[in-house]
C-alpha atoms as a PDB file:
ATOM      1  CA  MET A   1       0.000   0.000   0.000  1.00  0.00           C
ATOM      2  CA  ASP A   2       2.868   2.412   0.775  1.00  0.00           C
ATOM      3  CA  LEU A   3       4.168   1.959  -2.775  1.00  0.00           C
ATOM      4  CA  MET A   4       0.859   3.069  -4.243  1.00  0.00           C
ATOM      5  CA  LEU A   5       0.353   6.011  -1.885  1.00  0.00           C
ATOM      6  CA  GLY A   6       3.882   7.294  -2.414  1.00  0.00           C
ATOM      7  CA  MET A   7       3.582   7.021  -6.192  1.00  0.00           C
ATOM      8  CA  LYS A   8       6.441   4.519  -6.176  1.00  0.00           C
ATOM      9  CA  ARG A   9       6.813   1.369  -8.169  1.00  0.00           C
ATOM     10  CA  LEU A  10       8.814  -1.812  -8.139  1.00  0.00           C
ATOM     11  CA  GLU A  11      10.013  -3.248 -11.427  1.00  0.00           C
ATOM     12  CA  GLY A  12      11.950  -6.283 -12.486  1.00  0.00           C
ATOM     13  CA  PHE A  13      13.061  -7.975 -15.657  1.00  0.00           C
ATOM     14  CA  SER A  14      14.083 -11.364 -16.942  1.00  0.00           C
ATOM     15  CA  VAL A  15      17.743 -11.701 -17.861  1.00  0.00           C
ATOM     16  CA  LEU A  16      16.849 -14.700 -20.035  1.00  0.00           C
ATOM     17  CA  THR A  17      14.336 -12.630 -22.011  1.00  0.00           C
ATOM     18  CA  LEU A  18      16.852  -9.802 -22.324  1.00  0.00           C
ATOM     19  CA  MET A  19      19.456 -12.231 -23.662  1.00  0.00           C
ATOM     20  CA  GLN A  20      16.991 -13.709 -26.141  1.00  0.00           C
ATOM     21  CA  GLN A  21      15.582 -10.449 -27.423  1.00  0.00           C
ATOM     22  CA  HIS A  22      18.607  -8.143 -27.155  1.00  0.00           C
ATOM     23  CA  SER A  23      21.681 -10.352 -27.264  1.00  0.00           C
ATOM     24  CA  ASP A  24      23.687  -7.540 -28.855  1.00  0.00           C
ATOM     25  CA  LEU A  25      23.165  -5.345 -25.767  1.00  0.00           C
ATOM     26  CA  VAL A  26      24.154  -8.198 -23.469  1.00  0.00           C
ATOM     27  CA  VAL A  27      27.368  -8.758 -25.450  1.00  0.00           C
ATOM     28  CA  GLN A  28      28.182  -5.031 -25.374  1.00  0.00           C
ATOM     29  CA  GLY A  29      27.543  -4.866 -21.640  1.00  0.00           C
ATOM     30  CA  ARG A  30      29.683  -7.923 -20.961  1.00  0.00           C
ATOM     31  CA  GLN A  31      32.553  -6.496 -23.025  1.00  0.00           C
ATOM     32  CA  LYS A  32      32.315  -3.184 -21.145  1.00  0.00           C
ATOM     33  CA  LEU A  33      32.316  -4.989 -17.791  1.00  0.00           C
ATOM     34  CA  TYR A  34      35.368  -7.081 -18.747  1.00  0.00           C
ATOM     35  CA  SER A  35      37.107  -3.888 -19.840  1.00  0.00           C
ATOM     36  CA  TYR A  36      36.392  -2.287 -16.448  1.00  0.00           C
ATOM     37  CA  VAL A  37      37.726  -5.360 -14.652  1.00  0.00           C
ATOM     38  CA  GLU A  38      40.914  -5.312 -16.743  1.00  0.00           C
ATOM     39  CA  GLN A  39      41.388  -1.596 -15.995  1.00  0.00           C
ATOM     40  CA  GLY A  40      40.848  -2.154 -12.276  1.00  0.00           C
ATOM     41  CA  LYS A  41      37.719   0.024 -12.225  1.00  0.00           C
ATOM     42  CA  VAL A  42      35.649  -2.913 -10.979  1.00  0.00           C
ATOM     43  CA  ARG A  43      37.027  -5.452  -8.560  1.00  0.00           C
ATOM     44  CA  PRO A  44      35.105  -8.430  -7.223  1.00  0.00           C
ATOM     45  CA  ARG A  45      34.744  -8.524  -3.462  1.00  0.00           C
ATOM     46  CA  ILE A  46      36.289 -11.872  -2.539  1.00  0.00           C
ATOM     47  CA  THR A  47      35.275 -12.652   1.017  1.00  0.00           C
ATOM     48  CA  HIS A  48      35.956 -16.389   1.281  1.00  0.00           C
ATOM     49  CA  THR A  49      38.479 -18.771  -0.207  1.00  0.00           C
ATOM     50  CA  PHE A  50      38.052 -22.547  -0.046  1.00  0.00           C
ATOM     51  CA  THR A  51      40.162 -25.454  -1.242  1.00  0.00           C
ATOM     52  CA  LEU A  52      38.553 -28.147  -3.360  1.00  0.00           C
ATOM     53  CA  GLU A  53      38.582 -30.378  -0.298  1.00  0.00           C
ATOM     54  CA  GLU A  54      36.355 -27.788   1.410  1.00  0.00           C
ATOM     55  CA  ILE A  55      33.866 -27.602  -1.443  1.00  0.00           C
ATOM     56  CA  ALA A  56      31.029 -29.064   0.653  1.00  0.00           C
ATOM     57  CA  GLU A  57      31.459 -26.255   3.194  1.00  0.00           C
ATOM     58  CA  ALA A  58      31.595 -23.679   0.410  1.00  0.00           C
ATOM     59  CA  HIS A  59      28.324 -25.053  -0.929  1.00  0.00           C
ATOM     60  CA  ARG A  60      26.728 -24.927   2.538  1.00  0.00           C
ATOM     61  CA  GLN A  61      27.786 -21.300   2.869  1.00  0.00           C
ATOM     62  CA  LEU A  62      26.218 -20.474  -0.500  1.00  0.00           C
ATOM     63  CA  GLU A  63      22.992 -22.261   0.367  1.00  0.00           C
ATOM     64  CA  SER A  64      22.726 -20.490   3.718  1.00  0.00           C
ATOM     65  CA  ARG A  65      23.124 -17.140   1.944  1.00  0.00           C
ATOM     66  CA  SER A  66      25.455 -16.065   4.747  1.00  0.00           C
ATOM     67  CA  ILE A  67      28.244 -14.868   2.444  1.00  0.00           C
ATOM     68  CA  VAL A  68      28.334 -11.386   1.004  1.00  0.00           C
ATOM     69  CA  GLY A  69      30.802 -11.209  -1.858  1.00  0.00           C
ATOM     70  CA  LYS A  70      32.475 -13.863  -3.943  1.00  0.00           C
ATOM     71  CA  ILE A  71      33.794 -17.307  -3.127  1.00  0.00           C
ATOM     72  CA  VAL A  72      37.023 -18.532  -4.684  1.00  0.00           C
ATOM     73  CA  LEU A  73      37.842 -22.237  -4.963  1.00  0.00           C
ATOM     74  CA  ARG A  74      41.522 -23.118  -5.031  1.00  0.00           C
ATOM     75  CA  PRO A  75      43.038 -26.453  -6.037  1.00  0.00           C
END
């Protein structure tokens, strides 16, 4: 009700639909993102590192949604 009274709205979109209908935009966006990563403008936030032997724990952490950031698996 607060959304309607405040003249606010909530929108979403389907990435799958975007990829199907506008694949050229997705490719352009991906190339731009990779360029930013290469230039150091965007850096992933790596918060946890696991070995392959710890992969079950890494999976539990992902399922529990307790990790903010990225997980890295190391051999």
